[in-house]
Amino acid sequence: MISLFMPLILCLTVVASVGIGVIAAYAAVIGILQVCWRVSQPAPVAQARPQLVLVPTQNHASGD
């Protein structure tokens, strides 16, 4: 009787271990992506200001 149940128990143990490992790896990757996504999001700005192209002390370069 034990010889019949041992392969079944072993097979179920392997399947359960692999399944738990896959779920844990998936959760870890999704968690890391969520953390990185939140960090990369810019803070909301109340009023958008135009970005200056030239520094106020720079002059436009002209040719001779």
PDB file of N, CA and C in Angstrom:
ATOM      1  N   MET A   1       0.823  -1.194   0.000  1.00  0.00           N
ATOM      2  CA  MET A   1       0.000   0.000   0.000  1.00  0.00           C
ATOM      3  C   MET A   1       0.869   1.260   0.000  1.00  0.00           C
ATOM      4  N   ILE A   2       1.923   1.239   0.798  1.00  0.00           N
ATOM      5  CA  ILE A   2       2.821   2.389   0.862  1.00  0.00           C
ATOM      6  C   ILE A   2       3.507   2.596  -0.480  1.00  0.00           C
ATOM      7  N   SER A   3       3.832   1.516  -1.162  1.00  0.00           N
ATOM      8  CA  SER A   3       4.515   1.631  -2.454  1.00  0.00           C
ATOM      9  C   SER A   3       3.612   2.277  -3.508  1.00  0.00           C
ATOM     10  N   LEU A   4       2.309   2.252  -3.313  1.00  0.00           N
ATOM     11  CA  LEU A   4       1.401   2.902  -4.250  1.00  0.00           C
ATOM     12  C   LEU A   4       1.231   4.390  -3.943  1.00  0.00           C
ATOM     13  N   PHE A   5       1.254   4.750  -2.681  1.00  0.00           N
ATOM     14  CA  PHE A   5       1.039   6.133  -2.290  1.00  0.00           C
ATOM     15  C   PHE A   5       2.299   6.992  -2.373  1.00  0.00           C
ATOM     16  N   MET A   6       3.458   6.384  -2.237  1.00  0.00           N
ATOM     17  CA  MET A   6       4.706   7.171  -2.251  1.00  0.00           C
ATOM     18  C   MET A   6       4.929   7.916  -3.573  1.00  0.00           C
ATOM     19  N   PRO A   7       4.756   7.279  -4.724  1.00  0.00           N
ATOM     20  CA  PRO A   7       4.925   8.052  -5.971  1.00  0.00           C
ATOM     21  C   PRO A   7       3.895   9.164  -6.111  1.00  0.00           C
ATOM     22  N   LEU A   8       2.669   8.904  -5.673  1.00  0.00           N
ATOM     23  CA  LEU A   8       1.630   9.930  -5.732  1.00  0.00           C
ATOM     24  C   LEU A   8       1.968  11.111  -4.816  1.00  0.00           C
ATOM     25  N   ILE A   9       2.395  10.825  -3.616  1.00  0.00           N
ATOM     26  CA  ILE A   9       2.769  11.876  -2.667  1.00  0.00           C
ATOM     27  C   ILE A   9       3.980  12.648  -3.181  1.00  0.00           C
ATOM     28  N   LEU A  10       4.949  11.939  -3.727  1.00  0.00           N
ATOM     29  CA  LEU A  10       6.137  12.597  -4.278  1.00  0.00           C
ATOM     30  C   LEU A  10       5.766  13.496  -5.459  1.00  0.00           C
ATOM     31  N   CYS A  11       4.928  12.996  -6.338  1.00  0.00           N
ATOM     32  CA  CYS A  11       4.507  13.779  -7.502  1.00  0.00           C
ATOM     33  C   CYS A  11       3.737  15.026  -7.073  1.00  0.00           C
ATOM     34  N   LEU A  12       2.821  14.897  -6.141  1.00  0.00           N
ATOM     35  CA  LEU A  12       2.059  16.052  -5.656  1.00  0.00           C
ATOM     36  C   LEU A  12       2.965  17.056  -4.950  1.00  0.00           C
ATOM     37  N   THR A  13       3.952  16.552  -4.214  1.00  0.00           N
ATOM     38  CA  THR A  13       4.889  17.442  -3.536  1.00  0.00           C
ATOM     39  C   THR A  13       5.714  18.242  -4.547  1.00  0.00           C
ATOM     40  N   VAL A  14       6.184  17.583  -5.591  1.00  0.00           N
ATOM     41  CA  VAL A  14       6.972  18.270  -6.619  1.00  0.00           C
ATOM     42  C   VAL A  14       6.114  19.297  -7.348  1.00  0.00           C
ATOM     43  N   VAL A  15       4.911  18.923  -7.726  1.00  0.00           N
ATOM     44  CA  VAL A  15       4.016  19.851  -8.437  1.00  0.00           C
ATOM     45  C   VAL A  15       3.679  21.050  -7.552  1.00  0.00           C
ATOM     46  N   ALA A  16       3.400  20.814  -6.288  1.00  0.00           N
ATOM     47  CA  ALA A  16       3.078  21.914  -5.378  1.00  0.00           C
ATOM     48  C   ALA A  16       4.290  22.828  -5.168  1.00  0.00           C
ATOM     49  N   SER A  17       5.473  22.257  -5.042  1.00  0.00           N
ATOM     50  CA  SER A  17       6.679  23.066  -4.833  1.00  0.00           C
ATOM     51  C   SER A  17       6.981  23.936  -6.048  1.00  0.00           C
ATOM     52  N   VAL A  18       6.865  23.348  -7.227  1.00  0.00           N
ATOM     53  CA  VAL A  18       7.109  24.119  -8.452  1.00  0.00           C
ATOM     54  C   VAL A  18       6.050  25.217  -8.598  1.00  0.00           C
ATOM     55  N   GLY A  19       4.810  24.896  -8.322  1.00  0.00           N
ATOM     56  CA  GLY A  19       3.744  25.896  -8.420  1.00  0.00           C
ATOM     57  C   GLY A  19       3.947  27.052  -7.449  1.00  0.00           C
ATOM     58  N   ILE A  20       4.312  26.743  -6.219  1.00  0.00           N
ATOM     59  CA  ILE A  20       4.564  27.804  -5.233  1.00  0.00           C
ATOM     60  C   ILE A  20       5.765  28.635  -5.649  1.00  0.00           C
ATOM     61  N   GLY A  21       6.796  28.003  -6.211  1.00  0.00           N
ATOM     62  CA  GLY A  21       7.966  28.742  -6.685  1.00  0.00           C
ATOM     63  C   GLY A  21       7.634  29.683  -7.824  1.00  0.00           C
ATOM     64  N   VAL A  22       6.824  29.224  -8.765  1.00  0.00           N
ATOM     65  CA  VAL A  22       6.428  30.071  -9.896  1.00  0.00           C
ATOM     66  C   VAL A  22       5.595  31.250  -9.404  1.00  0.00           C
ATOM     67  N   ILE A  23       4.674  31.006  -8.516  1.00  0.00           N
ATOM     68  CA  ILE A  23       3.839  32.094  -7.984  1.00  0.00           C
ATOM     69  C   ILE A  23       4.687  33.085  -7.199  1.00  0.00           C
ATOM     70  N   ALA A  24       5.645  32.608  -6.416  1.00  0.00           N
ATOM     71  CA  ALA A  24       6.509  33.501  -5.640  1.00  0.00           C
ATOM     72  C   ALA A  24       7.392  34.335  -6.561  1.00  0.00           C
ATOM     73  N   ALA A  25       7.929  33.733  -7.614  1.00  0.00           N
ATOM     74  CA  ALA A  25       8.753  34.484  -8.561  1.00  0.00           C
ATOM     75  C   ALA A  25       7.924  35.536  -9.284  1.00  0.00           C
ATOM     76  N   TYR A  26       6.719  35.183  -9.689  1.00  0.00           N
ATOM     77  CA  TYR A  26       5.814  36.141 -10.349  1.00  0.00           C
ATOM     78  C   TYR A  26       5.503  37.310  -9.424  1.00  0.00           C
ATOM     79  N   ALA A  27       5.194  37.016  -8.162  1.00  0.00           N
ATOM     80  CA  ALA A  27       4.884  38.080  -7.203  1.00  0.00           C
ATOM     81  C   ALA A  27       6.103  38.971  -6.961  1.00  0.00           C
ATOM     82  N   ALA A  28       7.295  38.387  -6.917  1.00  0.00           N
ATOM     83  CA  ALA A  28       8.508  39.181  -6.704  1.00  0.00           C
ATOM     84  C   ALA A  28       8.761  40.111  -7.876  1.00  0.00           C
ATOM     85  N   VAL A  29       8.616  39.623  -9.090  1.00  0.00           N
ATOM     86  CA  VAL A  29       8.836  40.463 -10.278  1.00  0.00           C
ATOM     87  C   VAL A  29       7.805  41.576 -10.341  1.00  0.00           C
ATOM     88  N   ILE A  30       6.549  41.258 -10.103  1.00  0.00           N
ATOM     89  CA  ILE A  30       5.500  42.287 -10.129  1.00  0.00           C
ATOM     90  C   ILE A  30       5.746  43.313  -9.022  1.00  0.00           C
ATOM     91  N   GLY A  31       6.171  42.871  -7.855  1.00  0.00           N
ATOM     92  CA  GLY A  31       6.471  43.815  -6.767  1.00  0.00           C
ATOM     93  C   GLY A  31       7.619  44.743  -7.111  1.00  0.00           C
ATOM     94  N   ILE A  32       8.673  44.204  -7.705  1.00  0.00           N
ATOM     95  CA  ILE A  32       9.814  45.042  -8.103  1.00  0.00           C
ATOM     96  C   ILE A  32       9.395  46.040  -9.167  1.00  0.00           C
ATOM     97  N   LEU A  33       8.601  45.595 -10.138  1.00  0.00           N
ATOM     98  CA  LEU A  33       8.140  46.513 -11.187  1.00  0.00           C
ATOM     99  C   LEU A  33       7.246  47.611 -10.611  1.00  0.00           C
ATOM    100  N   GLN A  34       6.418  47.280  -9.653  1.00  0.00           N
ATOM    101  CA  GLN A  34       5.559  48.285  -9.034  1.00  0.00           C
ATOM    102  C   GLN A  34       6.385  49.330  -8.285  1.00  0.00           C
ATOM    103  N   VAL A  35       7.414  48.887  -7.578  1.00  0.00           N
ATOM    104  CA  VAL A  35       8.269  49.821  -6.838  1.00  0.00           C
ATOM    105  C   VAL A  35       9.008  50.738  -7.808  1.00  0.00           C
ATOM    106  N   CYS A  36       9.560  50.171  -8.869  1.00  0.00           N
ATOM    107  CA  CYS A  36      10.294  50.975  -9.848  1.00  0.00           C
ATOM    108  C   CYS A  36       9.362  51.922 -10.575  1.00  0.00           C
ATOM    109  N   TRP A  37       8.133  51.515 -10.860  1.00  0.00           N
ATOM    110  CA  TRP A  37       7.189  52.373 -11.564  1.00  0.00           C
ATOM    111  C   TRP A  37       6.810  53.580 -10.718  1.00  0.00           C
ATOM    112  N   ARG A  38       6.619  53.377  -9.424  1.00  0.00           N
ATOM    113  CA  ARG A  38       6.259  54.492  -8.550  1.00  0.00           C
ATOM    114  C   ARG A  38       7.402  55.479  -8.415  1.00  0.00           C
ATOM    115  N   VAL A  39       8.639  54.998  -8.368  1.00  0.00           N
ATOM    116  CA  VAL A  39       9.795  55.879  -8.232  1.00  0.00           C
ATOM    117  C   VAL A  39       9.987  56.700  -9.494  1.00  0.00           C
ATOM    118  N   SER A  40       9.733  56.118 -10.670  1.00  0.00           N
ATOM    119  CA  SER A  40       9.999  56.809 -11.925  1.00  0.00           C
ATOM    120  C   SER A  40       8.914  57.810 -12.298  1.00  0.00           C
ATOM    121  N   GLN A  41       7.784  57.786 -11.624  1.00  0.00           N
ATOM    122  CA  GLN A  41       6.715  58.729 -11.936  1.00  0.00           C
ATOM    123  C   GLN A  41       7.061  60.113 -11.399  1.00  0.00           C
ATOM    124  N   PRO A  42       6.961  61.149 -12.234  1.00  0.00           N
ATOM    125  CA  PRO A  42       7.254  62.495 -11.737  1.00  0.00           C
ATOM    126  C   PRO A  42       6.184  62.972 -10.767  1.00  0.00           C
ATOM    127  N   ALA A  43       6.605  63.838  -9.880  1.00  0.00           N
ATOM    128  CA  ALA A  43       5.664  64.401  -8.917  1.00  0.00           C
ATOM    129  C   ALA A  43       4.694  65.327  -9.661  1.00  0.00           C
ATOM    130  N   PRO A  44       3.434  65.334  -9.274  1.00  0.00           N
ATOM    131  CA  PRO A  44       2.477  66.206  -9.956  1.00  0.00           C
ATOM    132  C   PRO A  44       2.832  67.676  -9.730  1.00  0.00           C
ATOM    133  N   VAL A  45       2.759  68.447 -10.793  1.00  0.00           N
ATOM    134  CA  VAL A  45       3.076  69.872 -10.733  1.00  0.00           C
ATOM    135  C   VAL A  45       1.773  70.647 -10.812  1.00  0.00           C
ATOM    136  N   ALA A  46       1.602  71.614  -9.914  1.00  0.00           N
ATOM    137  CA  ALA A  46       0.364  72.377  -9.875  1.00  0.00           C
ATOM    138  C   ALA A  46       0.232  73.236 -11.134  1.00  0.00           C
ATOM    139  N   GLN A  47       1.310  73.869 -11.541  1.00  0.00           N
ATOM    140  CA  GLN A  47       1.259  74.731 -12.713  1.00  0.00           C
ATOM    141  C   GLN A  47       2.513  74.463 -13.534  1.00  0.00           C
ATOM    142  N   ALA A  48       2.323  74.077 -14.770  1.00  0.00           N
ATOM    143  CA  ALA A  48       3.464  73.760 -15.623  1.00  0.00           C
ATOM    144  C   ALA A  48       4.128  75.054 -16.096  1.00  0.00           C
ATOM    145  N   ARG A  49       5.449  75.136 -15.908  1.00  0.00           N
ATOM    146  CA  ARG A  49       6.209  76.298 -16.370  1.00  0.00           C
ATOM    147  C   ARG A  49       6.951  75.927 -17.634  1.00  0.00           C
ATOM    148  N   PRO A  50       7.062  76.859 -18.576  1.00  0.00           N
ATOM    149  CA  PRO A  50       7.822  76.546 -19.777  1.00  0.00           C
ATOM    150  C   PRO A  50       9.298  76.379 -19.441  1.00  0.00           C
ATOM    151  N   GLN A  51       9.940  75.437 -20.102  1.00  0.00           N
ATOM    152  CA  GLN A  51      11.348  75.171 -19.848  1.00  0.00           C
ATOM    153  C   GLN A  51      12.188  76.111 -20.707  1.00  0.00           C
ATOM    154  N   LEU A  52      13.132  76.799 -20.063  1.00  0.00           N
ATOM    155  CA  LEU A  52      13.987  77.727 -20.784  1.00  0.00           C
ATOM    156  C   LEU A  52      15.023  76.948 -21.584  1.00  0.00           C
ATOM    157  N   VAL A  53      15.229  77.377 -22.815  1.00  0.00           N
ATOM    158  CA  VAL A  53      16.188  76.695 -23.670  1.00  0.00           C
ATOM    159  C   VAL A  53      17.579  77.256 -23.441  1.00  0.00           C
ATOM    160  N   LEU A  54      17.696  78.567 -23.360  1.00  0.00           N
ATOM    161  CA  LEU A  54      18.977  79.216 -23.132  1.00  0.00           C
ATOM    162  C   LEU A  54      19.042  79.745 -21.708  1.00  0.00           C
ATOM    163  N   VAL A  55      20.211  79.686 -21.118  1.00  0.00           N
ATOM    164  CA  VAL A  55      20.416  80.273 -19.804  1.00  0.00           C
ATOM    165  C   VAL A  55      20.390  81.784 -19.991  1.00  0.00           C
ATOM    166  N   PRO A  56      19.813  82.548 -19.061  1.00  0.00           N
ATOM    167  CA  PRO A  56      19.698  83.999 -19.262  1.00  0.00           C
ATOM    168  C   PRO A  56      21.033  84.705 -19.510  1.00  0.00           C
ATOM    169  N   THR A  57      22.145  84.151 -19.059  1.00  0.00           N
ATOM    170  CA  THR A  57      23.426  84.825 -19.272  1.00  0.00           C
ATOM    171  C   THR A  57      24.049  84.481 -20.621  1.00  0.00           C
ATOM    172  N   GLN A  58      23.493  83.517 -21.343  1.00  0.00           N
ATOM    173  CA  GLN A  58      24.046  83.159 -22.645  1.00  0.00           C
ATOM    174  C   GLN A  58      23.502  84.073 -23.721  1.00  0.00           C
ATOM    175  N   ASN A  59      24.305  84.326 -24.719  1.00  0.00           N
ATOM    176  CA  ASN A  59      23.895  85.098 -25.891  1.00  0.00           C
ATOM    177  C   ASN A  59      23.831  84.173 -27.080  1.00  0.00           C
ATOM    178  N   HIS A  60      23.007  84.555 -28.018  1.00  0.00           N
ATOM    179  CA  HIS A  60      22.904  83.749 -29.250  1.00  0.00           C
ATOM    180  C   HIS A  60      24.215  83.860 -30.013  1.00  0.00           C
ATOM    181  N   ALA A  61      24.754  82.746 -30.432  1.00  0.00           N
ATOM    182  CA  ALA A  61      26.030  82.750 -31.158  1.00  0.00           C
ATOM    183  C   ALA A  61      25.779  83.202 -32.594  1.00  0.00           C
ATOM    184  N   SER A  62      26.623  84.103 -33.063  1.00  0.00           N
ATOM    185  CA  SER A  62      26.463  84.560 -34.450  1.00  0.00           C
ATOM    186  C   SER A  62      27.792  84.379 -35.177  1.00  0.00           C
ATOM    187  N   GLY A  63      27.701  84.233 -36.474  1.00  0.00           N
ATOM    188  CA  GLY A  63      28.897  84.052 -37.282  1.00  0.00           C
ATOM    189  C   GLY A  63      29.571  85.374 -37.612  1.00  0.00           C
ATOM    190  N   ASP A  64      30.808  85.326 -38.123  1.00  0.00           N
ATOM    191  CA  ASP A  64      31.539  86.540 -38.520  1.00  0.00           C
ATOM    192  C   ASP A  64      31.041  87.072 -39.825  1.00  0.00           C
TER     193      ASP A  64
END
